[in-house]
Amino acid sequence: MFTVYILRTNKNTLYTGYTNNLRGRLAKHKAKKGAKHLRMFKSFKLVYTEEFKTRSEAMRREFELKKLSKQEKEYLITTNELDK
């Protein structure tokens, strides 16, 4: 199983990625060993996820999400909040 995810940083920027081990990937991000983009932020929060059966599906969806404007991503996040 693969997960596409969106993180909100402490500066209110959004980071989109995919992984086959969400818990492990988040731990790497927190340890500043993940994406270079996230290393410059103090903290982040997981705000959105989608599950896919294959890597290619997840990569395709990640690419689609990265092309969205911040406003479009915010709408997606608010209509599918993880805390519901």
Protein backbone atom coordinates (compact mmCIF):
# COMPACT_ATOMS: atom_id res chain seq x y z
CA MET A 1 0.00 0.00 0.00
CA PHE A 2 1.23 3.51 -0.86
CA THR A 3 0.21 6.77 0.75
CA VAL A 4 0.15 10.22 -0.80
CA TYR A 5 0.31 12.84 1.95
CA ILE A 6 0.30 16.57 2.53
CA LEU A 7 2.11 18.21 5.43
CA ARG A 8 1.53 21.74 6.73
CA THR A 9 4.68 23.41 8.06
CA ASN A 10 4.85 25.86 10.94
CA LYS A 11 5.13 28.65 8.31
CA ASN A 12 1.86 27.46 6.70
CA THR A 13 3.47 26.06 3.56
CA LEU A 14 2.31 22.72 2.16
CA TYR A 15 4.56 19.79 1.27
CA THR A 16 3.28 16.85 -0.80
CA GLY A 17 4.92 13.44 -0.98
CA TYR A 18 4.28 9.71 -1.24
CA THR A 19 5.59 6.65 0.58
CA ASN A 20 4.95 3.00 1.29
CA ASN A 21 5.62 3.55 5.01
CA LEU A 22 3.97 6.73 6.25
CA ARG A 23 5.01 6.35 9.89
CA GLY A 24 8.65 5.80 8.91
CA ARG A 25 8.64 8.64 6.41
CA LEU A 26 7.22 11.08 8.96
CA ALA A 27 9.90 9.99 11.43
CA LYS A 28 12.59 10.73 8.81
CA HIS A 29 11.09 14.15 8.15
CA LYS A 30 11.06 14.90 11.89
CA ALA A 31 14.69 13.81 12.16
CA LYS A 32 15.53 16.22 9.30
CA LYS A 33 16.69 13.28 7.18
CA GLY A 34 13.83 13.42 4.68
CA ALA A 35 13.09 16.04 2.07
CA LYS A 36 15.45 19.03 1.98
CA HIS A 37 12.47 21.39 1.74
CA LEU A 38 11.21 20.38 5.19
CA ARG A 39 14.59 20.81 6.89
CA MET A 40 14.17 24.59 7.06
CA PHE A 41 10.96 24.40 9.12
CA LYS A 42 10.71 23.81 12.86
CA SER A 43 7.68 21.57 12.66
CA PHE A 44 4.91 20.21 10.47
CA LYS A 45 1.56 18.47 10.80
CA LEU A 46 0.06 15.72 8.65
CA VAL A 47 -3.12 17.23 7.17
CA TYR A 48 -4.11 14.94 4.29
CA THR A 49 -3.65 11.36 3.06
CA GLU A 50 -4.83 9.12 0.23
CA GLU A 51 -4.11 5.38 -0.15
CA PHE A 52 -3.15 3.57 -3.37
CA LYS A 53 -2.40 -0.04 -4.25
CA THR A 54 0.55 0.67 -6.53
CA ARG A 55 3.53 2.99 -6.58
CA SER A 56 2.62 4.26 -10.04
CA GLU A 57 -0.88 5.29 -8.89
CA ALA A 58 0.60 7.12 -5.90
CA MET A 59 3.22 8.86 -8.03
CA ARG A 60 0.57 9.93 -10.53
CA ARG A 61 -1.62 11.36 -7.77
CA GLU A 62 1.33 13.11 -6.11
CA PHE A 63 2.13 14.79 -9.43
CA GLU A 64 -1.52 15.88 -9.80
CA LEU A 65 -1.55 17.36 -6.28
CA LYS A 66 1.72 19.20 -6.80
CA LYS A 67 0.21 20.95 -9.83
CA LEU A 68 -2.70 22.31 -7.75
CA SER A 69 -2.62 25.85 -6.43
CA LYS A 70 -2.33 26.35 -2.68
CA GLN A 71 -5.98 27.41 -2.62
CA GLU A 72 -7.02 24.17 -4.35
CA LYS A 73 -4.95 22.12 -1.91
CA GLU A 74 -6.48 23.99 1.04
CA TYR A 75 -9.96 23.14 -0.27
CA LEU A 76 -8.99 19.47 -0.61
CA ILE A 77 -7.60 19.46 2.93
CA THR A 78 -10.61 21.16 4.52
CA THR A 79 -13.11 18.88 2.78
CA ASN A 80 -11.20 15.76 3.87
CA GLU A 81 -9.78 16.70 7.29
CA LEU A 82 -7.98 13.88 9.12
CA ASP A 83 -9.37 14.94 12.51
CA LYS A 84 -13.01 14.26 11.57
